Amino acid sequence: MPGNRNILYLIIGMLVVAVGVLGYNLYQAKKQPEGLQINVGPGGLTIQNK
């Protein structure tokens, strides 16, 4: 029985970590600055309106 309980705690912990990581990624995606983005790369100059 104690082994099953440890596995349950492990699964719950992994789910909590996964939700935290997904929440942080969503926060970072929303936090990106809005406005005009200018990139200079091998393909030339690109301008994007965010």
PDB file of N, CA and C in Angstrom:
ATOM      1  N   MET A   1       0.804  -1.209   0.000  1.00  0.00           N
ATOM      2  CA  MET A   1       0.000   0.000   0.000  1.00  0.00           C
ATOM      3  C   MET A   1       0.848   1.276   0.000  1.00  0.00           C
ATOM      4  N   PRO A   2       1.937   1.356   0.795  1.00  0.00           N
ATOM      5  CA  PRO A   2       2.704   2.613   0.803  1.00  0.00           C
ATOM      6  C   PRO A   2       3.316   2.927  -0.565  1.00  0.00           C
ATOM      7  N   GLY A   3       3.644   1.917  -1.336  1.00  0.00           N
ATOM      8  CA  GLY A   3       4.201   2.151  -2.671  1.00  0.00           C
ATOM      9  C   GLY A   3       3.194   2.834  -3.583  1.00  0.00           C
ATOM     10  N   ASN A   4       1.943   2.419  -3.489  1.00  0.00           N
ATOM     11  CA  ASN A   4       0.892   3.027  -4.309  1.00  0.00           C
ATOM     12  C   ASN A   4       0.694   4.484  -3.931  1.00  0.00           C
ATOM     13  N   ARG A   5       0.798   4.787  -2.652  1.00  0.00           N
ATOM     14  CA  ARG A   5       0.604   6.160  -2.190  1.00  0.00           C
ATOM     15  C   ARG A   5       1.751   7.044  -2.694  1.00  0.00           C
ATOM     16  N   ASN A   6       2.973   6.505  -2.683  1.00  0.00           N
ATOM     17  CA  ASN A   6       4.112   7.279  -3.184  1.00  0.00           C
ATOM     18  C   ASN A   6       3.967   7.565  -4.675  1.00  0.00           C
ATOM     19  N   ILE A   7       3.487   6.593  -5.425  1.00  0.00           N
ATOM     20  CA  ILE A   7       3.280   6.801  -6.861  1.00  0.00           C
ATOM     21  C   ILE A   7       2.198   7.857  -7.082  1.00  0.00           C
ATOM     22  N   LEU A   8       1.157   7.838  -6.285  1.00  0.00           N
ATOM     23  CA  LEU A   8       0.099   8.840  -6.398  1.00  0.00           C
ATOM     24  C   LEU A   8       0.654  10.237  -6.120  1.00  0.00           C
ATOM     25  N   TYR A   9       1.474  10.383  -5.086  1.00  0.00           N
ATOM     26  CA  TYR A   9       2.088  11.681  -4.783  1.00  0.00           C
ATOM     27  C   TYR A   9       3.004  12.128  -5.911  1.00  0.00           C
ATOM     28  N   LEU A  10       3.713  11.186  -6.512  1.00  0.00           N
ATOM     29  CA  LEU A  10       4.596  11.513  -7.623  1.00  0.00           C
ATOM     30  C   LEU A  10       3.799  12.023  -8.822  1.00  0.00           C
ATOM     31  N   ILE A  11       2.706  11.361  -9.125  1.00  0.00           N
ATOM     32  CA  ILE A  11       1.867  11.778 -10.255  1.00  0.00           C
ATOM     33  C   ILE A  11       1.268  13.152  -9.995  1.00  0.00           C
ATOM     34  N   ILE A  12       0.777  13.378  -8.794  1.00  0.00           N
ATOM     35  CA  ILE A  12       0.206  14.681  -8.455  1.00  0.00           C
ATOM     36  C   ILE A  12       1.277  15.767  -8.539  1.00  0.00           C
ATOM     37  N   GLY A  13       2.468  15.481  -8.046  1.00  0.00           N
ATOM     38  CA  GLY A  13       3.567  16.449  -8.127  1.00  0.00           C
ATOM     39  C   GLY A  13       3.928  16.770  -9.561  1.00  0.00           C
ATOM     40  N   MET A  14       3.970  15.759 -10.414  1.00  0.00           N
ATOM     41  CA  MET A  14       4.285  15.987 -11.822  1.00  0.00           C
ATOM     42  C   MET A  14       3.210  16.831 -12.497  1.00  0.00           C
ATOM     43  N   LEU A  15       1.959  16.599 -12.157  1.00  0.00           N
ATOM     44  CA  LEU A  15       0.870  17.398 -12.722  1.00  0.00           C
ATOM     45  C   LEU A  15       0.963  18.849 -12.268  1.00  0.00           C
ATOM     46  N   VAL A  16       1.303  19.066 -11.010  1.00  0.00           N
ATOM     47  CA  VAL A  16       1.452  20.436 -10.495  1.00  0.00           C
ATOM     48  C   VAL A  16       2.591  21.146 -11.224  1.00  0.00           C
ATOM     49  N   VAL A  17       3.703  20.467 -11.414  1.00  0.00           N
ATOM     50  CA  VAL A  17       4.837  21.060 -12.132  1.00  0.00           C
ATOM     51  C   VAL A  17       4.445  21.356 -13.577  1.00  0.00           C
ATOM     52  N   ALA A  18       3.744  20.443 -14.228  1.00  0.00           N
ATOM     53  CA  ALA A  18       3.339  20.648 -15.618  1.00  0.00           C
ATOM     54  C   ALA A  18       2.411  21.857 -15.740  1.00  0.00           C
ATOM     55  N   VAL A  19       1.468  21.993 -14.832  1.00  0.00           N
ATOM     56  CA  VAL A  19       0.557  23.143 -14.859  1.00  0.00           C
ATOM     57  C   VAL A  19       1.347  24.437 -14.626  1.00  0.00           C
ATOM     58  N   GLY A  20       2.310  24.399 -13.727  1.00  0.00           N
ATOM     59  CA  GLY A  20       3.135  25.573 -13.474  1.00  0.00           C
ATOM     60  C   GLY A  20       3.944  25.977 -14.698  1.00  0.00           C
ATOM     61  N   VAL A  21       4.537  25.016 -15.379  1.00  0.00           N
ATOM     62  CA  VAL A  21       5.336  25.310 -16.571  1.00  0.00           C
ATOM     63  C   VAL A  21       4.446  25.863 -17.680  1.00  0.00           C
ATOM     64  N   LEU A  22       3.295  25.255 -17.888  1.00  0.00           N
ATOM     65  CA  LEU A  22       2.385  25.750 -18.922  1.00  0.00           C
ATOM     66  C   LEU A  22       1.878  27.153 -18.596  1.00  0.00           C
ATOM     67  N   GLY A  23       1.581  27.413 -17.344  1.00  0.00           N
ATOM     68  CA  GLY A  23       1.156  28.750 -16.928  1.00  0.00           C
ATOM     69  C   GLY A  23       2.244  29.786 -17.149  1.00  0.00           C
ATOM     70  N   TYR A  24       3.487  29.421 -16.835  1.00  0.00           N
ATOM     71  CA  TYR A  24       4.600  30.347 -17.032  1.00  0.00           C
ATOM     72  C   TYR A  24       4.803  30.630 -18.516  1.00  0.00           C
ATOM     73  N   ASN A  25       4.705  29.603 -19.357  1.00  0.00           N
ATOM     74  CA  ASN A  25       4.851  29.807 -20.803  1.00  0.00           C
ATOM     75  C   ASN A  25       3.747  30.705 -21.347  1.00  0.00           C
ATOM     76  N   LEU A  26       2.533  30.535 -20.874  1.00  0.00           N
ATOM     77  CA  LEU A  26       1.427  31.390 -21.298  1.00  0.00           C
ATOM     78  C   LEU A  26       1.664  32.824 -20.857  1.00  0.00           C
ATOM     79  N   TYR A  27       2.154  33.005 -19.635  1.00  0.00           N
ATOM     80  CA  TYR A  27       2.466  34.335 -19.120  1.00  0.00           C
ATOM     81  C   TYR A  27       3.532  35.002 -19.983  1.00  0.00           C
ATOM     82  N   GLN A  28       4.576  34.273 -20.346  1.00  0.00           N
ATOM     83  CA  GLN A  28       5.649  34.833 -21.170  1.00  0.00           C
ATOM     84  C   GLN A  28       5.125  35.190 -22.565  1.00  0.00           C
ATOM     85  N   ALA A  29       4.242  34.381 -23.112  1.00  0.00           N
ATOM     86  CA  ALA A  29       3.693  34.660 -24.442  1.00  0.00           C
ATOM     87  C   ALA A  29       2.842  35.929 -24.414  1.00  0.00           C
ATOM     88  N   LYS A  30       2.088  36.137 -23.357  1.00  0.00           N
ATOM     89  CA  LYS A  30       1.246  37.328 -23.242  1.00  0.00           C
ATOM     90  C   LYS A  30       2.082  38.563 -22.938  1.00  0.00           C
ATOM     91  N   LYS A  31       3.254  38.380 -22.338  1.00  0.00           N
ATOM     92  CA  LYS A  31       4.088  39.489 -21.892  1.00  0.00           C
ATOM     93  C   LYS A  31       4.911  40.096 -23.020  1.00  0.00           C
ATOM     94  N   GLN A  32       4.970  39.452 -24.162  1.00  0.00           N
ATOM     95  CA  GLN A  32       5.776  39.968 -25.259  1.00  0.00           C
ATOM     96  C   GLN A  32       5.283  41.357 -25.644  1.00  0.00           C
ATOM     97  N   PRO A  33       6.206  42.251 -25.928  1.00  0.00           N
ATOM     98  CA  PRO A  33       5.818  43.632 -26.213  1.00  0.00           C
ATOM     99  C   PRO A  33       4.978  43.739 -27.479  1.00  0.00           C
ATOM    100  N   GLU A  34       4.062  44.665 -27.434  1.00  0.00           N
ATOM    101  CA  GLU A  34       3.228  44.940 -28.593  1.00  0.00           C
ATOM    102  C   GLU A  34       3.839  46.097 -29.365  1.00  0.00           C
ATOM    103  N   GLY A  35       3.490  46.207 -30.616  1.00  0.00           N
ATOM    104  CA  GLY A  35       3.989  47.297 -31.424  1.00  0.00           C
ATOM    105  C   GLY A  35       4.658  46.793 -32.683  1.00  0.00           C
ATOM    106  N   LEU A  36       5.691  47.495 -33.089  1.00  0.00           N
ATOM    107  CA  LEU A  36       6.380  47.199 -34.326  1.00  0.00           C
ATOM    108  C   LEU A  36       7.657  46.434 -34.039  1.00  0.00           C
ATOM    109  N   GLN A  37       7.894  45.370 -34.793  1.00  0.00           N
ATOM    110  CA  GLN A  37       9.107  44.570 -34.639  1.00  0.00           C
ATOM    111  C   GLN A  37       9.865  44.585 -35.952  1.00  0.00           C
ATOM    112  N   ILE A  38      11.141  44.982 -35.876  1.00  0.00           N
ATOM    113  CA  ILE A  38      11.990  45.060 -37.062  1.00  0.00           C
ATOM    114  C   ILE A  38      13.119  44.055 -36.901  1.00  0.00           C
ATOM    115  N   ASN A  39      13.260  43.151 -37.867  1.00  0.00           N
ATOM    116  CA  ASN A  39      14.300  42.122 -37.840  1.00  0.00           C
ATOM    117  C   ASN A  39      15.164  42.247 -39.086  1.00  0.00           C
ATOM    118  N   VAL A  40      16.478  42.152 -38.867  1.00  0.00           N
ATOM    119  CA  VAL A  40      17.422  42.122 -39.982  1.00  0.00           C
ATOM    120  C   VAL A  40      18.103  40.763 -39.939  1.00  0.00           C
ATOM    121  N   GLY A  41      17.963  39.998 -41.009  1.00  0.00           N
ATOM    122  CA  GLY A  41      18.537  38.664 -41.039  1.00  0.00           C
ATOM    123  C   GLY A  41      19.048  38.336 -42.418  1.00  0.00           C
ATOM    124  N   PRO A  42      19.392  37.066 -42.607  1.00  0.00           N
ATOM    125  CA  PRO A  42      19.929  36.651 -43.907  1.00  0.00           C
ATOM    126  C   PRO A  42      18.930  36.862 -45.047  1.00  0.00           C
ATOM    127  N   GLY A  43      17.648  36.838 -44.734  1.00  0.00           N
ATOM    128  CA  GLY A  43      16.627  37.029 -45.761  1.00  0.00           C
ATOM    129  C   GLY A  43      16.332  38.494 -46.038  1.00  0.00           C
ATOM    130  N   GLY A  44      16.989  39.381 -45.312  1.00  0.00           N
ATOM    131  CA  GLY A  44      16.755  40.811 -45.521  1.00  0.00           C
ATOM    132  C   GLY A  44      16.053  41.425 -44.333  1.00  0.00           C
ATOM    133  N   LEU A  45      15.404  42.519 -44.563  1.00  0.00           N
ATOM    134  CA  LEU A  45      14.714  43.298 -43.534  1.00  0.00           C
ATOM    135  C   LEU A  45      13.249  42.866 -43.481  1.00  0.00           C
ATOM    136  N   THR A  46      12.766  42.554 -42.287  1.00  0.00           N
ATOM    137  CA  THR A  46      11.354  42.231 -42.114  1.00  0.00           C
ATOM    138  C   THR A  46      10.760  43.128 -41.042  1.00  0.00           C
ATOM    139  N   ILE A  47       9.568  43.586 -41.285  1.00  0.00           N
ATOM    140  CA  ILE A  47       8.858  44.458 -40.336  1.00  0.00           C
ATOM    141  C   ILE A  47       7.518  43.808 -40.047  1.00  0.00           C
ATOM    142  N   GLN A  48       7.243  43.616 -38.748  1.00  0.00           N
ATOM    143  CA  GLN A  48       5.981  42.992 -38.339  1.00  0.00           C
ATOM    144  C   GLN A  48       5.271  43.926 -37.374  1.00  0.00           C
ATOM    145  N   ASN A  49       3.960  44.049 -37.567  1.00  0.00           N
ATOM    146  CA  ASN A  49       3.127  44.807 -36.650  1.00  0.00           C
ATOM    147  C   ASN A  49       2.498  43.838 -35.668  1.00  0.00           C
ATOM    148  N   LYS A  50       2.781  43.992 -34.399  1.00  0.00           N
ATOM    149  CA  LYS A  50       2.275  43.055 -33.386  1.00  0.00           C
ATOM    150  C   LYS A  50       1.012  43.588 -32.776  1.00  0.00           C
TER     151      LYS A  50
END
